[in-house]
């Protein structure tokens, strides 16, 4: 058998294996969703896309909102309940269109979950590559399992939150910048604007960094791809920006607390709001300082700044939700890499301990504080555990990121 034929056979076997794996994931997800109602993050946009495509009904209309509420509650939402209204820019339709064309919600949700799961696993693979982490097989397996089953991972997958795809785009963006594929970086960063509040600080830093490092293509392709999406959406519905803005302004009124201030105000009604505002101000100041110090950063230092930005960027008083905190995962891999650099003999053990803490603490706090309504509702306290833990870990290894270790501690 010549080498070309052998390569073709190997490629065919790999393709068959991949198809089998994906089919198994879809089947498993379909079995799960038929027995476990939910996926409301996906449901909202699936219904909105179907109504827009098949009935020319605005995703932001009361008609669409009522249909979604009826599917979830069996009636219109009552005062104080989540109104389940689409609050993404209209160009998010392009993302949900392939799934909106599927009439059966369970099948659409199962395939969507499969896409999220594959995107998450690929993101983990790329994060290992970006940070140049060299985990042993046991830690590697633990990391992949952790990424799916830790609180912010499993919650996002079950709810069908598109934030998993944002993580995927953020990671590809960092990797593309590292390998100087600036056009790709700009395009994928533009795609993250379906949920602009999640990556606002991250995008701001990358635009600042690109400008100072004369990587103008990143800025050009980011603005170009975003402009194209907006123009295409305007072609479909010229009035969508006004309707979208109205939904954005309405959003905080029916959602759980979405900033440190509103979260702490509910936990500590007296002085919580002021403490929350202070947290947001401090977070913004810290980011500005780190951006300035890291304006010429490269390598692991650059990834460290991206990671702390993705964490503290969720605390700068822009409406968000702990359901989006899966985007903080890059920080974990930065910590892993620097710990293993510093302690070659014991790094894996320390990393297992870190992994265990990040798994047990969020799940423990969630289970102790959740309230059961139409679905399990998380407490506002979930705004704090993971950002605090990851921020502390990143600042623990900060010096090593800025000053690569030359003399490792082998026997300590």
Protein backbone atom coordinates (compact mmCIF):
# COMPACT_ATOMS: atom_id res chain seq x y z
CA UNK A 1 0.00 0.00 0.00
CA UNK A 2 1.57 3.30 -1.08
CA UNK A 3 1.82 6.23 1.31
CA UNK A 4 -0.97 8.25 -0.38
CA UNK A 5 -3.43 5.36 -0.19
CA UNK A 6 -2.43 4.66 3.40
CA UNK A 7 -3.00 8.30 4.31
CA UNK A 8 -6.44 8.23 2.65
CA UNK A 9 -7.40 5.11 4.61
CA UNK A 10 -6.26 6.71 7.87
CA UNK A 11 -8.23 9.89 7.08
CA UNK A 12 -11.32 7.81 6.29
CA UNK A 13 -11.03 5.90 9.57
CA UNK A 14 -10.60 9.16 11.49
CA UNK A 15 -13.67 10.69 9.77
CA UNK A 16 -15.77 7.61 10.57
CA UNK A 17 -14.59 7.75 14.19
CA UNK A 18 -15.46 11.46 14.44
CA UNK A 19 -18.93 10.86 12.93
CA UNK A 20 -19.54 8.06 15.44
CA UNK A 21 -18.47 10.28 18.36
CA UNK A 22 -20.64 13.20 17.23
CA UNK A 23 -23.61 10.91 16.60
CA UNK A 24 -23.16 9.46 20.08
CA UNK A 25 -23.10 12.95 21.60
CA UNK A 26 -26.27 13.95 19.74
CA UNK A 27 -28.02 10.75 20.83
CA UNK A 28 -26.94 11.21 24.43
CA UNK A 29 -28.00 14.85 24.45
CA UNK A 30 -31.35 13.97 22.86
CA UNK A 31 -31.96 11.40 25.59
CA UNK A 32 -31.13 14.04 28.19
CA UNK A 33 -33.26 16.89 26.80
CA UNK A 34 -36.36 14.74 26.30
CA UNK A 35 -36.26 13.87 30.01
CA UNK A 36 -35.07 17.23 31.33
CA UNK A 37 -36.94 20.36 30.23
CA UNK A 38 -34.96 23.56 30.14
CA UNK A 39 -32.37 25.05 27.85
CA UNK A 40 -34.10 28.41 28.21
CA UNK A 41 -31.10 30.41 26.98
CA UNK A 42 -31.33 28.50 23.71
CA UNK A 43 -35.13 28.31 23.64
CA UNK A 44 -35.49 32.11 23.65
CA UNK A 45 -33.39 32.50 20.51
CA UNK A 46 -34.71 29.37 18.79
CA UNK A 47 -38.28 30.68 19.00
CA UNK A 48 -37.20 34.21 18.06
CA UNK A 49 -35.34 32.93 15.00
CA UNK A 50 -38.25 30.77 13.87
CA UNK A 51 -40.74 33.62 14.23
CA UNK A 52 -38.50 36.02 12.33
CA UNK A 53 -37.70 33.62 9.49
CA UNK A 54 -41.08 31.98 8.98
CA UNK A 55 -43.50 34.72 10.11
CA UNK A 56 -41.50 37.97 9.75
CA UNK A 57 -42.23 38.68 13.42
CA UNK A 58 -39.65 40.79 15.22
CA UNK A 59 -37.60 38.86 17.81
CA UNK A 60 -38.17 41.81 20.15
CA UNK A 61 -41.97 41.80 19.83
CA UNK A 62 -44.43 41.04 22.62
CA UNK A 63 -45.83 38.26 20.40
CA UNK A 64 -42.50 36.44 20.41
CA UNK A 65 -42.04 37.01 24.15
CA UNK A 66 -45.49 35.61 24.91
CA UNK A 67 -44.85 32.49 22.83
CA UNK A 68 -41.59 31.85 24.69
CA UNK A 69 -43.19 32.45 28.09
CA UNK A 70 -46.05 30.09 27.23
CA UNK A 71 -43.59 27.33 26.32
CA UNK A 72 -41.77 27.76 29.66
CA UNK A 73 -44.53 28.73 32.14
CA UNK A 74 -47.64 27.57 30.26
CA UNK A 75 -48.85 31.19 30.42
CA UNK A 76 -47.61 34.77 30.25
CA UNK A 77 -44.89 35.70 32.73
CA UNK A 78 -46.20 37.20 35.96
CA UNK A 79 -44.71 40.29 37.62
CA UNK A 80 -41.37 39.40 39.15
CA UNK A 81 -40.81 36.39 36.88
CA UNK A 82 -38.16 36.27 34.17
CA UNK A 83 -39.75 37.61 30.97
CA UNK A 84 -37.55 35.49 28.70
CA UNK A 85 -37.23 38.17 26.03
CA UNK A 86 -34.49 38.02 23.36
CA UNK A 87 -31.85 40.65 24.11
CA UNK A 88 -29.16 39.84 21.53
CA UNK A 89 -28.43 42.02 18.48
CA UNK A 90 -30.47 40.95 15.45
CA UNK A 91 -27.41 39.59 13.66
CA UNK A 92 -27.37 36.75 16.22
CA UNK A 93 -30.07 35.31 13.93
CA UNK A 94 -27.28 34.15 11.62
CA UNK A 95 -25.91 31.96 14.43
CA UNK A 96 -29.24 30.43 15.41
CA UNK A 97 -30.64 30.07 11.87
CA UNK A 98 -29.49 26.46 11.23
CA UNK A 99 -31.17 25.42 14.48
CA UNK A 100 -34.25 27.57 13.91
CA UNK A 101 -34.88 25.63 10.69
CA UNK A 102 -35.32 22.48 12.79
CA UNK A 103 -38.99 22.31 13.76
CA UNK A 104 -38.56 19.89 16.68
CA UNK A 105 -37.22 21.76 19.71
CA UNK A 106 -35.74 18.67 21.37
CA UNK A 107 -33.70 17.76 18.28
CA UNK A 108 -32.60 21.37 17.82
CA UNK A 109 -31.56 21.64 21.47
CA UNK A 110 -29.69 18.31 21.36
CA UNK A 111 -27.68 19.37 18.31
CA UNK A 112 -27.04 22.82 19.82
CA UNK A 113 -25.73 21.21 23.03
CA UNK A 114 -23.46 19.00 20.91
CA UNK A 115 -22.04 22.07 19.16
CA UNK A 116 -21.41 23.73 22.53
CA UNK A 117 -19.73 20.62 23.95
CA UNK A 118 -17.42 20.23 20.96
CA UNK A 119 -16.62 23.96 21.02
CA UNK A 120 -15.76 23.74 24.72
CA UNK A 121 -13.47 20.73 24.26
CA UNK A 122 -11.70 22.38 21.32
CA UNK A 123 -11.30 25.52 23.44
CA UNK A 124 -9.58 23.47 26.14
CA UNK A 125 -7.25 21.92 23.57
CA UNK A 126 -6.35 25.37 22.25
CA UNK A 127 -5.83 26.77 25.76
CA UNK A 128 -3.31 24.01 26.43
CA UNK A 129 -1.54 25.00 23.22
CA UNK A 130 -1.74 28.75 23.90
CA UNK A 131 -0.27 28.45 27.40
CA UNK A 132 2.21 25.74 26.31
CA UNK A 133 1.01 23.62 29.18
CA UNK A 134 2.36 20.06 29.21
CA UNK A 135 0.04 18.18 31.54
CA UNK A 136 0.47 14.50 32.34
CA UNK A 137 -2.26 12.17 31.09
CA UNK A 138 -4.12 12.11 34.41
CA UNK A 139 -4.26 15.91 34.69
CA UNK A 140 -5.20 16.18 31.01
CA UNK A 141 -8.17 13.85 31.49
CA UNK A 142 -9.18 15.68 34.68
CA UNK A 143 -9.08 19.06 32.92
CA UNK A 144 -11.36 17.91 30.09
CA UNK A 145 -13.83 16.35 32.56
CA UNK A 146 -13.68 19.43 34.79
CA UNK A 147 -14.37 21.81 31.88
CA UNK A 148 -17.72 20.11 31.25
CA UNK A 149 -18.87 19.31 34.78
CA UNK A 150 -17.73 22.29 36.89
CA UNK A 151 -20.53 24.65 37.86
CA UNK A 152 -20.08 27.32 35.19
CA UNK A 153 -19.47 24.73 32.47
CA UNK A 154 -22.40 22.40 33.10
CA UNK A 155 -24.79 25.28 33.73
CA UNK A 156 -23.91 26.89 30.41
CA UNK A 157 -24.28 23.60 28.51
CA UNK A 158 -27.63 22.64 30.05
CA UNK A 159 -29.07 26.13 29.61
CA UNK A 160 -27.78 26.25 26.03
CA UNK A 161 -25.92 29.49 26.67
CA UNK A 162 -24.15 30.86 23.58
CA UNK A 163 -21.41 32.14 25.90
CA UNK A 164 -19.63 28.80 25.28
CA UNK A 165 -19.17 29.89 21.67
CA UNK A 166 -17.88 33.26 22.88
CA UNK A 167 -15.23 31.44 24.91
CA UNK A 168 -14.37 29.51 21.75
CA UNK A 169 -14.00 32.76 19.79
CA UNK A 170 -11.98 34.45 22.54
CA UNK A 171 -9.57 31.52 22.63
CA UNK A 172 -9.23 31.40 18.86
CA UNK A 173 -8.64 35.17 18.93
CA UNK A 174 -5.79 34.85 21.43
CA UNK A 175 -4.28 31.95 19.49
CA UNK A 176 -4.58 33.81 16.18
CA UNK A 177 -2.83 36.85 17.67
CA UNK A 178 -0.03 34.61 18.94
CA UNK A 179 0.56 33.09 15.49
CA UNK A 180 0.08 36.47 13.76
CA UNK A 181 -3.14 35.54 11.95
CA UNK A 182 -4.53 39.01 12.58
CA UNK A 183 -7.35 38.79 10.02
CA UNK A 184 -8.75 35.68 11.73
CA UNK A 185 -8.38 37.30 15.15
CA UNK A 186 -10.36 40.36 14.06
CA UNK A 187 -13.13 38.29 12.48
CA UNK A 188 -13.71 35.96 15.45
CA UNK A 189 -13.63 38.89 17.87
CA UNK A 190 -16.28 40.60 15.75
CA UNK A 191 -18.47 37.50 16.08
CA UNK A 192 -18.40 37.82 19.89
CA UNK A 193 -20.53 40.94 19.60
CA UNK A 194 -23.66 38.78 19.78
CA UNK A 195 -23.16 39.23 23.55
CA UNK A 196 -21.13 42.44 23.69
CA UNK A 197 -21.33 42.87 27.47
CA UNK A 198 -19.40 39.64 28.09
CA UNK A 199 -16.28 40.60 26.18
CA UNK A 200 -16.47 44.39 26.37
CA UNK A 201 -13.34 44.84 28.51
CA UNK A 202 -11.48 42.07 26.67
CA UNK A 203 -12.17 43.64 23.26
CA UNK A 204 -11.22 47.06 24.58
CA UNK A 205 -7.85 45.74 25.79
CA UNK A 206 -7.13 43.96 22.51
CA UNK A 207 -7.93 47.07 20.48
CA UNK A 208 -5.63 49.10 22.75
CA UNK A 209 -2.88 46.46 22.53
CA UNK A 210 -3.25 46.14 18.75
CA UNK A 211 -3.01 49.89 18.27
CA UNK A 212 0.15 50.26 20.36
CA UNK A 213 1.78 47.22 18.77
CA UNK A 214 0.87 48.33 15.24
CA UNK A 215 -1.25 45.24 14.62
CA UNK A 216 -3.79 47.33 12.75
CA UNK A 217 -5.30 44.40 10.84
CA UNK A 218 -6.89 43.12 14.06
CA UNK A 219 -8.73 46.42 14.48
CA UNK A 220 -9.64 46.65 10.79
CA UNK A 221 -11.05 43.13 10.55
CA UNK A 222 -12.87 43.44 13.88
CA UNK A 223 -14.61 46.65 12.83
CA UNK A 224 -15.14 45.33 9.31
CA UNK A 225 -16.78 42.08 10.40
CA UNK A 226 -18.93 43.87 12.97
CA UNK A 227 -20.01 46.45 10.40
CA UNK A 228 -20.92 43.72 7.93
CA UNK A 229 -23.08 41.96 10.52
CA UNK A 230 -24.86 45.19 11.44
CA UNK A 231 -25.49 46.12 7.79
CA UNK A 232 -26.86 42.66 6.95
CA UNK A 233 -29.18 42.86 9.95
CA UNK A 234 -30.31 46.35 8.88
CA UNK A 235 -31.15 44.93 5.47
CA UNK A 236 -33.40 42.36 7.15
CA UNK A 237 -34.97 44.83 9.59
CA UNK A 238 -34.08 48.55 9.39
CA UNK A 239 -35.59 49.32 12.81
CA UNK A 240 -33.83 46.58 14.78
CA UNK A 241 -31.25 48.83 16.55
CA UNK A 242 -34.03 50.82 18.24
CA UNK A 243 -35.91 47.68 19.26
CA UNK A 244 -32.69 46.09 20.49
CA UNK A 245 -31.83 49.17 22.57
CA UNK A 246 -35.30 49.08 24.14
CA UNK A 247 -34.75 45.43 25.13
CA UNK A 248 -31.31 46.23 26.58
CA UNK A 249 -32.86 48.97 28.74
CA UNK A 250 -35.69 46.67 29.79
CA UNK A 251 -33.35 43.72 30.53
CA UNK A 252 -32.14 44.61 34.07
CA UNK A 253 -35.72 45.11 35.23
CA UNK A 254 -36.74 41.45 34.98
CA UNK A 255 -33.37 39.70 35.35
CA UNK A 256 -31.57 38.58 38.51
CA UNK A 257 -28.84 40.92 39.79
CA UNK A 258 -26.35 41.55 36.99
CA UNK A 259 -23.58 43.59 38.60
CA UNK A 260 -21.59 43.32 41.84
CA UNK A 261 -23.58 46.28 43.19
CA UNK A 262 -27.02 44.78 42.56
CA UNK A 263 -25.87 41.33 43.71
CA UNK A 264 -24.52 42.65 47.02
CA UNK A 265 -27.53 44.92 47.44
CA UNK A 266 -29.70 41.80 47.52
CA UNK A 267 -27.36 39.91 49.84
CA UNK A 268 -26.59 42.84 52.18
CA UNK A 269 -29.44 45.35 51.64
CA UNK A 270 -27.94 48.09 53.79
CA UNK A 271 -24.46 48.75 52.44
CA UNK A 272 -24.15 46.08 49.76
CA UNK A 273 -24.78 48.42 46.86
CA UNK A 274 -21.93 50.74 47.85
CA UNK A 275 -19.52 47.86 48.35
CA UNK A 276 -20.49 46.52 44.93
CA UNK A 277 -19.83 49.88 43.29
CA UNK A 278 -16.45 49.98 45.04
CA UNK A 279 -15.63 46.50 43.65
CA UNK A 280 -16.48 47.68 40.13
CA UNK A 281 -14.35 50.84 40.47
CA UNK A 282 -11.39 48.88 41.86
CA UNK A 283 -11.73 46.27 39.11
CA UNK A 284 -11.69 48.97 36.43
CA UNK A 285 -8.66 50.69 37.97
CA UNK A 286 -6.76 47.40 38.24
CA UNK A 287 -7.49 46.61 34.59
CA UNK A 288 -6.38 50.04 33.39
CA UNK A 289 -3.10 49.66 35.30
CA UNK A 290 -2.51 46.14 33.99
CA UNK A 291 -3.31 47.21 30.42
CA UNK A 292 -0.82 50.05 30.65
CA UNK A 293 1.89 47.83 32.15
CA UNK A 294 1.15 45.11 29.60
CA UNK A 295 0.80 47.31 26.55
CA UNK A 296 3.77 45.57 24.89
CA UNK A 297 3.19 42.14 26.41
CA UNK A 298 3.80 38.90 24.55
CA UNK A 299 3.80 35.18 25.34
CA UNK A 300 2.44 34.02 28.69
CA UNK A 301 2.41 37.61 29.98
CA UNK A 302 -0.05 38.57 27.21
CA UNK A 303 -2.26 35.55 27.99
CA UNK A 304 -2.13 36.46 31.70
CA UNK A 305 -3.47 39.96 30.97
CA UNK A 306 -6.17 38.55 28.66
CA UNK A 307 -7.18 36.16 31.45
CA UNK A 308 -7.42 38.75 34.22
CA UNK A 309 -9.37 40.98 31.83
CA UNK A 310 -11.91 38.24 31.13
CA UNK A 311 -12.36 37.85 34.91
CA UNK A 312 -12.44 41.41 36.21
CA UNK A 313 -14.24 42.55 33.05
CA UNK A 314 -17.33 40.81 34.45
CA UNK A 315 -17.16 43.07 37.51
CA UNK A 316 -16.94 46.53 35.90
CA UNK A 317 -20.64 47.32 36.44
CA UNK A 318 -21.81 46.13 33.02
CA UNK A 319 -24.95 43.96 33.17
CA UNK A 320 -23.94 40.31 33.04
CA UNK A 321 -24.69 37.02 34.81
CA UNK A 322 -22.69 34.23 36.50
CA UNK A 323 -23.92 32.04 33.67
CA UNK A 324 -21.32 33.82 31.53
CA UNK A 325 -18.39 33.06 33.82
CA UNK A 326 -17.21 30.11 31.74
CA UNK A 327 -15.21 32.73 29.79
CA UNK A 328 -12.90 32.91 32.81
CA UNK A 329 -11.42 29.47 32.03
CA UNK A 330 -8.23 30.79 30.31
CA UNK A 331 -7.00 32.03 33.68
CA UNK A 332 -6.99 28.48 35.03
CA UNK A 333 -4.61 27.31 32.30
CA UNK A 334 -2.27 30.24 32.85
CA UNK A 335 -2.06 29.29 36.53
CA UNK A 336 -1.49 25.62 35.65
CA UNK A 337 1.35 26.46 33.26
CA UNK A 338 3.16 28.78 35.68
CA UNK A 339 2.77 26.44 38.66
CA UNK A 340 4.23 23.52 36.69
CA UNK A 341 7.09 25.74 35.52
CA UNK A 342 7.85 26.72 39.09
CA UNK A 343 7.47 23.29 40.72
CA UNK A 344 8.25 20.56 38.15
CA UNK A 345 8.01 17.80 40.76
CA UNK A 346 4.88 18.92 42.58
CA UNK A 347 3.15 21.17 40.03
CA UNK A 348 0.62 18.52 38.99
CA UNK A 349 -0.35 17.91 42.61
CA UNK A 350 -0.89 21.63 43.21
CA UNK A 351 -2.91 21.86 40.01
CA UNK A 352 -5.15 18.97 41.09
CA UNK A 353 -5.77 20.83 44.36
CA UNK A 354 -6.66 24.01 42.44
CA UNK A 355 -8.94 22.01 40.16
CA UNK A 356 -10.66 20.43 43.17
CA UNK A 357 -11.22 23.78 44.87
CA UNK A 358 -12.72 25.31 41.72
CA UNK A 359 -15.01 22.30 41.34
CA UNK A 360 -16.18 21.87 44.93
CA UNK A 361 -16.54 25.49 46.09
CA UNK A 362 -18.92 26.82 43.37
CA UNK A 363 -21.06 23.67 43.39
CA UNK A 364 -21.18 23.66 47.20
CA UNK A 365 -22.22 27.31 47.42
CA UNK A 366 -24.80 26.86 44.65
CA UNK A 367 -26.43 23.85 46.31
CA UNK A 368 -26.51 25.56 49.70
CA UNK A 369 -28.07 28.78 48.40
CA UNK A 370 -30.29 27.82 45.45
CA UNK A 371 -34.04 28.39 45.43
CA UNK A 372 -36.40 26.08 43.53
CA UNK A 373 -38.93 27.92 41.38
CA UNK A 374 -39.91 27.06 37.80
CA UNK A 375 -36.28 25.90 37.67
CA UNK A 376 -33.39 25.96 40.17
CA UNK A 377 -32.46 29.63 40.62
CA UNK A 378 -28.93 30.55 41.66
CA UNK A 379 -28.26 33.01 44.45
CA UNK A 380 -26.58 36.37 43.72
CA UNK A 381 -23.68 35.06 45.82
CA UNK A 382 -22.58 33.10 42.71
CA UNK A 383 -21.28 36.41 41.36
CA UNK A 384 -18.23 36.08 43.59
CA UNK A 385 -16.64 32.64 44.28
CA UNK A 386 -14.98 31.88 40.92
CA UNK A 387 -13.85 35.45 40.09
CA UNK A 388 -12.30 35.74 43.57
CA UNK A 389 -10.59 32.34 43.43
CA UNK A 390 -9.21 32.80 39.92
CA UNK A 391 -8.13 36.39 40.55
CA UNK A 392 -6.22 35.31 43.66
CA UNK A 393 -4.61 32.46 41.73
CA UNK A 394 -3.60 34.72 38.85
CA UNK A 395 -2.05 37.28 41.18
CA UNK A 396 -0.28 34.48 43.01
CA UNK A 397 1.53 33.59 39.75
CA UNK A 398 1.70 37.13 38.34
CA UNK A 399 5.39 37.65 39.11
CA UNK A 400 6.26 34.43 37.30
CA UNK A 401 4.26 35.53 34.25
CA UNK A 402 6.09 38.84 34.12
CA UNK A 403 9.48 37.31 35.01
CA UNK A 404 9.84 33.82 33.52
CA UNK A 405 11.39 31.43 36.02
CA UNK A 406 15.08 30.71 35.53
CA UNK A 407 15.69 28.73 38.69
CA UNK A 408 12.85 26.36 39.47
CA UNK A 409 12.15 25.01 42.93
CA UNK A 410 12.72 21.32 42.35
CA UNK A 411 12.87 20.06 45.90
CA UNK A 412 10.53 22.50 47.65
